[in-house]
Amino acid sequence: MDLETNKKNAIAFYRTAYNGNPKKAIEKYVGKEYIQHNPAVADGLKGFVDYFERMQEEYPEKSIEFVRCIAEGDLVALHTHQIWPGNDQYVTMDFFRFDEDGKICEHWDAIQQIPKESANPNTMY
């Protein structure tokens, strides 16, 4: 596994889909299967495309910043900061598994809204 290539491809995959072109993201970065663990997104390629096309249509002004990217073995973890309309801000942690051909084949995530107030002065990044 080429960890640096996997990191670059995970970011490019997510950025491409998030910014409204999930079909291109699938064509360039996904293998023969795509296993989805987010319960809000249907399993498989069609579920992925449907979800991101709907998000682009409903929320075209959303933005994403990639804060961290860590790779080990066949996994890549992305730590992101997302801003949605109305200044709703979220921290996400996405995990992608790569197959033996260097293509994404599985995804897990955790999403947390950034609260307006915090009990400490530290950011969530």
N, C-alpha and C. Protein backbone atom coordinates (compact mmCIF):
# COMPACT_ATOMS: atom_id res chain seq x y z
N MET A 1 0.84 -1.19 0.00
CA MET A 1 0.00 0.00 0.00
C MET A 1 0.88 1.26 0.00
N ASP A 2 0.56 2.17 -0.87
CA ASP A 2 1.25 3.46 -0.93
C ASP A 2 0.43 4.45 -0.09
N LEU A 3 0.86 4.66 1.14
CA LEU A 3 0.08 5.46 2.08
C LEU A 3 -0.12 6.90 1.62
N GLU A 4 0.92 7.50 1.05
CA GLU A 4 0.79 8.89 0.60
C GLU A 4 -0.20 9.00 -0.56
N THR A 5 -0.16 8.07 -1.49
CA THR A 5 -1.13 8.08 -2.59
C THR A 5 -2.54 7.87 -2.06
N ASN A 6 -2.70 6.93 -1.13
CA ASN A 6 -4.03 6.69 -0.55
C ASN A 6 -4.56 7.94 0.15
N LYS A 7 -3.70 8.65 0.86
CA LYS A 7 -4.12 9.87 1.53
C LYS A 7 -4.60 10.91 0.51
N LYS A 8 -3.81 11.12 -0.53
CA LYS A 8 -4.18 12.09 -1.57
C LYS A 8 -5.49 11.69 -2.25
N ASN A 9 -5.64 10.39 -2.51
CA ASN A 9 -6.85 9.92 -3.18
C ASN A 9 -8.09 10.01 -2.29
N ALA A 10 -7.93 9.76 -1.00
CA ALA A 10 -9.07 9.89 -0.08
C ALA A 10 -9.55 11.34 -0.04
N ILE A 11 -8.63 12.28 0.05
CA ILE A 11 -9.00 13.69 0.07
C ILE A 11 -9.65 14.10 -1.25
N ALA A 12 -9.04 13.71 -2.35
CA ALA A 12 -9.59 14.06 -3.67
C ALA A 12 -10.97 13.45 -3.87
N PHE A 13 -11.15 12.21 -3.44
CA PHE A 13 -12.44 11.53 -3.53
C PHE A 13 -13.52 12.30 -2.76
N TYR A 14 -13.21 12.61 -1.51
CA TYR A 14 -14.18 13.30 -0.66
C TYR A 14 -14.47 14.70 -1.20
N ARG A 15 -13.43 15.43 -1.57
CA ARG A 15 -13.61 16.79 -2.08
C ARG A 15 -14.46 16.78 -3.36
N THR A 16 -14.19 15.86 -4.27
CA THR A 16 -14.91 15.78 -5.53
C THR A 16 -16.39 15.50 -5.29
N ALA A 17 -16.69 14.54 -4.43
CA ALA A 17 -18.09 14.20 -4.13
C ALA A 17 -18.78 15.34 -3.39
N TYR A 18 -18.12 15.87 -2.36
CA TYR A 18 -18.69 16.93 -1.52
C TYR A 18 -19.01 18.18 -2.33
N ASN A 19 -18.17 18.47 -3.31
CA ASN A 19 -18.37 19.67 -4.13
C ASN A 19 -19.28 19.43 -5.33
N GLY A 20 -19.98 18.31 -5.33
CA GLY A 20 -21.06 18.13 -6.30
C GLY A 20 -20.83 17.21 -7.47
N ASN A 21 -19.74 16.42 -7.44
CA ASN A 21 -19.52 15.52 -8.57
C ASN A 21 -19.23 14.09 -8.08
N PRO A 22 -20.21 13.47 -7.41
CA PRO A 22 -19.96 12.12 -6.87
C PRO A 22 -19.73 11.06 -7.93
N LYS A 23 -20.31 11.22 -9.13
CA LYS A 23 -20.07 10.23 -10.19
C LYS A 23 -18.60 10.22 -10.60
N LYS A 24 -18.02 11.40 -10.73
CA LYS A 24 -16.59 11.50 -11.06
C LYS A 24 -15.74 10.90 -9.94
N ALA A 25 -16.13 11.15 -8.69
CA ALA A 25 -15.41 10.61 -7.55
C ALA A 25 -15.41 9.08 -7.59
N ILE A 26 -16.55 8.51 -7.89
CA ILE A 26 -16.67 7.05 -7.99
C ILE A 26 -15.79 6.53 -9.13
N GLU A 27 -15.89 7.15 -10.30
CA GLU A 27 -15.13 6.70 -11.48
C GLU A 27 -13.63 6.69 -11.24
N LYS A 28 -13.14 7.72 -10.55
CA LYS A 28 -11.69 7.85 -10.37
C LYS A 28 -11.13 7.09 -9.18
N TYR A 29 -11.91 6.96 -8.10
CA TYR A 29 -11.31 6.54 -6.83
C TYR A 29 -11.91 5.29 -6.19
N VAL A 30 -12.99 4.74 -6.72
CA VAL A 30 -13.67 3.62 -6.07
C VAL A 30 -13.47 2.35 -6.88
N GLY A 31 -13.35 1.22 -6.17
CA GLY A 31 -13.18 -0.07 -6.81
C GLY A 31 -14.51 -0.70 -7.20
N LYS A 32 -14.52 -2.01 -7.24
CA LYS A 32 -15.70 -2.77 -7.71
C LYS A 32 -16.87 -2.71 -6.74
N GLU A 33 -16.60 -2.45 -5.47
CA GLU A 33 -17.68 -2.36 -4.49
C GLU A 33 -17.46 -1.14 -3.60
N TYR A 34 -18.53 -0.72 -2.96
CA TYR A 34 -18.44 0.39 -2.01
C TYR A 34 -19.38 0.07 -0.86
N ILE A 35 -18.81 -0.26 0.27
CA ILE A 35 -19.59 -0.62 1.45
C ILE A 35 -19.73 0.63 2.31
N GLN A 36 -20.95 0.98 2.63
CA GLN A 36 -21.26 2.22 3.36
C GLN A 36 -21.75 1.87 4.76
N HIS A 37 -21.15 2.51 5.78
CA HIS A 37 -21.56 2.27 7.17
C HIS A 37 -22.34 3.45 7.77
N ASN A 38 -22.44 4.58 7.07
CA ASN A 38 -23.23 5.70 7.56
C ASN A 38 -24.70 5.33 7.39
N PRO A 39 -25.49 5.29 8.47
CA PRO A 39 -26.89 4.86 8.35
C PRO A 39 -27.79 5.83 7.57
N ALA A 40 -27.31 7.04 7.29
CA ALA A 40 -28.11 8.01 6.52
C ALA A 40 -27.89 7.88 5.01
N VAL A 41 -26.96 7.00 4.60
CA VAL A 41 -26.62 6.85 3.19
C VAL A 41 -26.83 5.38 2.80
N ALA A 42 -27.54 5.16 1.71
CA ALA A 42 -27.77 3.80 1.24
C ALA A 42 -26.44 3.15 0.85
N ASP A 43 -26.37 1.84 1.02
CA ASP A 43 -25.17 1.09 0.68
C ASP A 43 -24.93 1.09 -0.83
N GLY A 44 -23.68 0.98 -1.22
CA GLY A 44 -23.34 0.84 -2.63
C GLY A 44 -23.11 2.16 -3.34
N LEU A 45 -22.75 2.03 -4.62
CA LEU A 45 -22.40 3.19 -5.43
C LEU A 45 -23.58 4.12 -5.67
N LYS A 46 -24.74 3.56 -5.98
CA LYS A 46 -25.91 4.39 -6.26
C LYS A 46 -26.30 5.19 -5.02
N GLY A 47 -26.28 4.57 -3.86
CA GLY A 47 -26.61 5.29 -2.62
C GLY A 47 -25.68 6.46 -2.38
N PHE A 48 -24.40 6.25 -2.64
CA PHE A 48 -23.41 7.32 -2.48
C PHE A 48 -23.70 8.48 -3.43
N VAL A 49 -23.90 8.17 -4.70
CA VAL A 49 -24.16 9.20 -5.70
C VAL A 49 -25.45 9.94 -5.37
N ASP A 50 -26.51 9.22 -5.06
CA ASP A 50 -27.80 9.86 -4.73
C ASP A 50 -27.66 10.82 -3.56
N TYR A 51 -26.96 10.40 -2.52
CA TYR A 51 -26.79 11.24 -1.33
C TYR A 51 -26.04 12.53 -1.66
N PHE A 52 -24.89 12.42 -2.33
CA PHE A 52 -24.09 13.62 -2.59
C PHE A 52 -24.71 14.53 -3.65
N GLU A 53 -25.44 13.97 -4.59
CA GLU A 53 -26.15 14.83 -5.55
C GLU A 53 -27.26 15.61 -4.83
N ARG A 54 -27.97 14.95 -3.93
CA ARG A 54 -29.01 15.63 -3.15
C ARG A 54 -28.41 16.72 -2.26
N MET A 55 -27.29 16.43 -1.60
CA MET A 55 -26.66 17.43 -0.74
C MET A 55 -26.21 18.65 -1.55
N GLN A 56 -25.70 18.43 -2.75
CA GLN A 56 -25.26 19.55 -3.60
C GLN A 56 -26.46 20.39 -4.04
N GLU A 57 -27.55 19.73 -4.36
CA GLU A 57 -28.75 20.46 -4.79
C GLU A 57 -29.35 21.26 -3.64
N GLU A 58 -29.42 20.66 -2.46
CA GLU A 58 -30.04 21.31 -1.31
C GLU A 58 -29.12 22.32 -0.62
N TYR A 59 -27.81 22.08 -0.65
CA TYR A 59 -26.86 22.92 0.10
C TYR A 59 -25.63 23.26 -0.76
N PRO A 60 -25.81 23.99 -1.84
CA PRO A 60 -24.66 24.27 -2.72
C PRO A 60 -23.59 25.15 -2.08
N GLU A 61 -23.92 25.86 -1.02
CA GLU A 61 -22.96 26.79 -0.40
C GLU A 61 -22.15 26.15 0.71
N LYS A 62 -22.27 24.85 0.94
CA LYS A 62 -21.50 24.20 2.00
C LYS A 62 -20.01 24.23 1.65
N SER A 63 -19.16 24.11 2.68
CA SER A 63 -17.72 24.09 2.42
C SER A 63 -17.07 23.06 3.34
N ILE A 64 -15.87 22.65 2.94
CA ILE A 64 -15.13 21.66 3.73
C ILE A 64 -13.66 22.03 3.77
N GLU A 65 -13.05 21.81 4.92
CA GLU A 65 -11.61 21.98 5.09
C GLU A 65 -11.07 20.66 5.65
N PHE A 66 -10.00 20.18 5.06
CA PHE A 66 -9.37 18.95 5.53
C PHE A 66 -8.30 19.33 6.55
N VAL A 67 -8.54 18.97 7.80
CA VAL A 67 -7.66 19.39 8.90
C VAL A 67 -6.52 18.40 9.10
N ARG A 68 -6.85 17.10 9.05
CA ARG A 68 -5.84 16.05 9.23
C ARG A 68 -6.13 14.90 8.31
N CYS A 69 -5.06 14.19 7.95
CA CYS A 69 -5.19 12.96 7.17
C CYS A 69 -4.14 11.99 7.68
N ILE A 70 -4.58 10.82 8.09
CA ILE A 70 -3.69 9.81 8.68
C ILE A 70 -3.92 8.50 7.94
N ALA A 71 -2.84 7.81 7.59
CA ALA A 71 -2.96 6.54 6.89
C ALA A 71 -2.17 5.46 7.61
N GLU A 72 -2.75 4.27 7.63
CA GLU A 72 -2.09 3.09 8.19
C GLU A 72 -2.65 1.86 7.50
N GLY A 73 -1.78 1.01 7.00
CA GLY A 73 -2.24 -0.20 6.32
C GLY A 73 -3.12 0.15 5.14
N ASP A 74 -4.34 -0.40 5.13
CA ASP A 74 -5.27 -0.12 4.04
C ASP A 74 -6.32 0.92 4.41
N LEU A 75 -6.10 1.67 5.51
CA LEU A 75 -7.06 2.66 5.99
C LEU A 75 -6.51 4.08 5.90
N VAL A 76 -7.41 5.01 5.59
CA VAL A 76 -7.10 6.44 5.65
C VAL A 76 -8.19 7.10 6.50
N ALA A 77 -7.76 7.96 7.43
CA ALA A 77 -8.68 8.71 8.28
C ALA A 77 -8.58 10.19 7.93
N LEU A 78 -9.72 10.82 7.72
CA LEU A 78 -9.79 12.26 7.45
C LEU A 78 -10.52 12.95 8.60
N HIS A 79 -9.98 14.06 9.04
CA HIS A 79 -10.58 14.90 10.08
C HIS A 79 -10.93 16.20 9.39
N THR A 80 -12.23 16.53 9.31
CA THR A 80 -12.63 17.70 8.54
C THR A 80 -13.43 18.70 9.36
N HIS A 81 -13.49 19.89 8.82
CA HIS A 81 -14.34 20.97 9.35
C HIS A 81 -15.29 21.35 8.22
N GLN A 82 -16.58 21.18 8.47
CA GLN A 82 -17.59 21.50 7.46
C GLN A 82 -18.43 22.67 7.94
N ILE A 83 -18.73 23.58 7.02
CA ILE A 83 -19.62 24.71 7.31
C ILE A 83 -20.78 24.63 6.33
N TRP A 84 -21.99 24.63 6.89
CA TRP A 84 -23.21 24.50 6.11
C TRP A 84 -24.01 25.80 6.22
N PRO A 85 -25.02 25.99 5.39
CA PRO A 85 -25.83 27.21 5.45
C PRO A 85 -26.31 27.50 6.88
N GLY A 86 -26.40 28.77 7.18
CA GLY A 86 -26.79 29.18 8.53
C GLY A 86 -25.64 29.09 9.51
N ASN A 87 -24.42 28.90 9.00
CA ASN A 87 -23.21 28.77 9.80
C ASN A 87 -23.23 27.56 10.72
N ASP A 88 -24.00 26.51 10.36
CA ASP A 88 -23.92 25.25 11.09
C ASP A 88 -22.56 24.65 10.79
N GLN A 89 -21.81 24.34 11.84
CA GLN A 89 -20.46 23.81 11.65
C GLN A 89 -20.35 22.42 12.26
N TYR A 90 -19.62 21.56 11.57
CA TYR A 90 -19.50 20.17 11.98
C TYR A 90 -18.05 19.71 11.92
N VAL A 91 -17.70 18.83 12.84
CA VAL A 91 -16.45 18.09 12.81
C VAL A 91 -16.81 16.71 12.30
N THR A 92 -16.09 16.22 11.31
CA THR A 92 -16.30 14.85 10.86
C THR A 92 -14.98 14.09 10.92
N MET A 93 -15.11 12.82 11.15
CA MET A 93 -14.00 11.89 11.08
C MET A 93 -14.44 10.76 10.17
N ASP A 94 -13.82 10.68 9.01
CA ASP A 94 -14.17 9.67 8.01
C ASP A 94 -13.02 8.68 7.88
N PHE A 95 -13.38 7.42 7.75
CA PHE A 95 -12.41 6.36 7.55
C PHE A 95 -12.72 5.65 6.25
N PHE A 96 -11.70 5.48 5.43
CA PHE A 96 -11.84 4.80 4.15
C PHE A 96 -10.91 3.60 4.12
N ARG A 97 -11.43 2.48 3.64
CA ARG A 97 -10.60 1.30 3.41
C ARG A 97 -10.32 1.18 1.93
N PHE A 98 -9.08 0.88 1.59
CA PHE A 98 -8.65 0.73 0.21
C PHE A 98 -8.47 -0.75 -0.11
N ASP A 99 -8.83 -1.14 -1.33
CA ASP A 99 -8.65 -2.52 -1.76
C ASP A 99 -7.22 -2.73 -2.26
N GLU A 100 -6.91 -3.94 -2.71
CA GLU A 100 -5.56 -4.28 -3.15
C GLU A 100 -5.13 -3.53 -4.41
N ASP A 101 -6.10 -2.92 -5.12
CA ASP A 101 -5.79 -2.12 -6.31
C ASP A 101 -5.64 -0.63 -6.01
N GLY A 102 -5.69 -0.28 -4.71
CA GLY A 102 -5.55 1.12 -4.33
C GLY A 102 -6.82 1.94 -4.54
N LYS A 103 -7.97 1.26 -4.55
CA LYS A 103 -9.26 1.92 -4.74
C LYS A 103 -10.06 1.87 -3.43
N ILE A 104 -10.85 2.89 -3.20
CA ILE A 104 -11.69 2.95 -2.00
C ILE A 104 -12.80 1.91 -2.13
N CYS A 105 -13.03 1.16 -1.04
CA CYS A 105 -14.05 0.12 -1.09
C CYS A 105 -14.96 0.11 0.14
N GLU A 106 -14.64 0.92 1.16
CA GLU A 106 -15.48 0.92 2.36
C GLU A 106 -15.33 2.26 3.10
N HIS A 107 -16.40 2.67 3.78
CA HIS A 107 -16.43 3.97 4.45
C HIS A 107 -17.19 3.91 5.78
N TRP A 108 -16.60 4.55 6.80
CA TRP A 108 -17.24 4.77 8.10
C TRP A 108 -17.08 6.25 8.42
N ASP A 109 -17.99 6.81 9.22
CA ASP A 109 -17.80 8.19 9.67
C ASP A 109 -18.46 8.45 11.01
N ALA A 110 -18.03 9.54 11.62
CA ALA A 110 -18.64 10.08 12.84
C ALA A 110 -18.74 11.58 12.63
N ILE A 111 -19.90 12.13 12.96
CA ILE A 111 -20.17 13.55 12.72
C ILE A 111 -20.66 14.19 14.02
N GLN A 112 -20.11 15.34 14.34
CA GLN A 112 -20.52 16.06 15.55
C GLN A 112 -20.66 17.54 15.22
N GLN A 113 -21.81 18.11 15.60
CA GLN A 113 -21.99 19.54 15.39
C GLN A 113 -21.15 20.30 16.40
N ILE A 114 -20.51 21.37 15.94
CA ILE A 114 -19.71 22.21 16.83
C ILE A 114 -20.67 23.09 17.63
N PRO A 115 -20.64 22.98 18.95
CA PRO A 115 -21.57 23.77 19.77
C PRO A 115 -21.19 25.25 19.80
N LYS A 116 -22.16 26.08 20.10
CA LYS A 116 -21.92 27.52 20.21
C LYS A 116 -21.06 27.86 21.43
N GLU A 117 -21.18 27.05 22.50
CA GLU A 117 -20.42 27.26 23.72
C GLU A 117 -19.69 25.98 24.09
N SER A 118 -18.55 26.15 24.78
CA SER A 118 -17.75 25.02 25.20
C SER A 118 -17.34 25.19 26.66
N ALA A 119 -17.19 24.10 27.37
CA ALA A 119 -16.74 24.14 28.77
C ALA A 119 -15.24 24.38 28.87
N ASN A 120 -14.53 24.40 27.72
CA ASN A 120 -13.09 24.65 27.74
C ASN A 120 -12.74 25.57 26.57
N PRO A 121 -11.53 26.14 26.60
CA PRO A 121 -11.15 27.08 25.53
C PRO A 121 -10.56 26.41 24.28
N ASN A 122 -10.52 25.09 24.23
CA ASN A 122 -9.89 24.37 23.13
C ASN A 122 -10.84 24.21 21.95
N THR A 123 -10.29 24.26 20.75
CA THR A 123 -11.11 24.01 19.57
C THR A 123 -11.32 22.49 19.45
N MET A 124 -12.18 22.09 18.53
CA MET A 124 -12.41 20.66 18.30
C MET A 124 -11.40 20.10 17.30
N TYR A 125 -10.38 20.92 16.95
CA TYR A 125 -9.34 20.49 16.03
C TYR A 125 -8.01 20.53 16.70
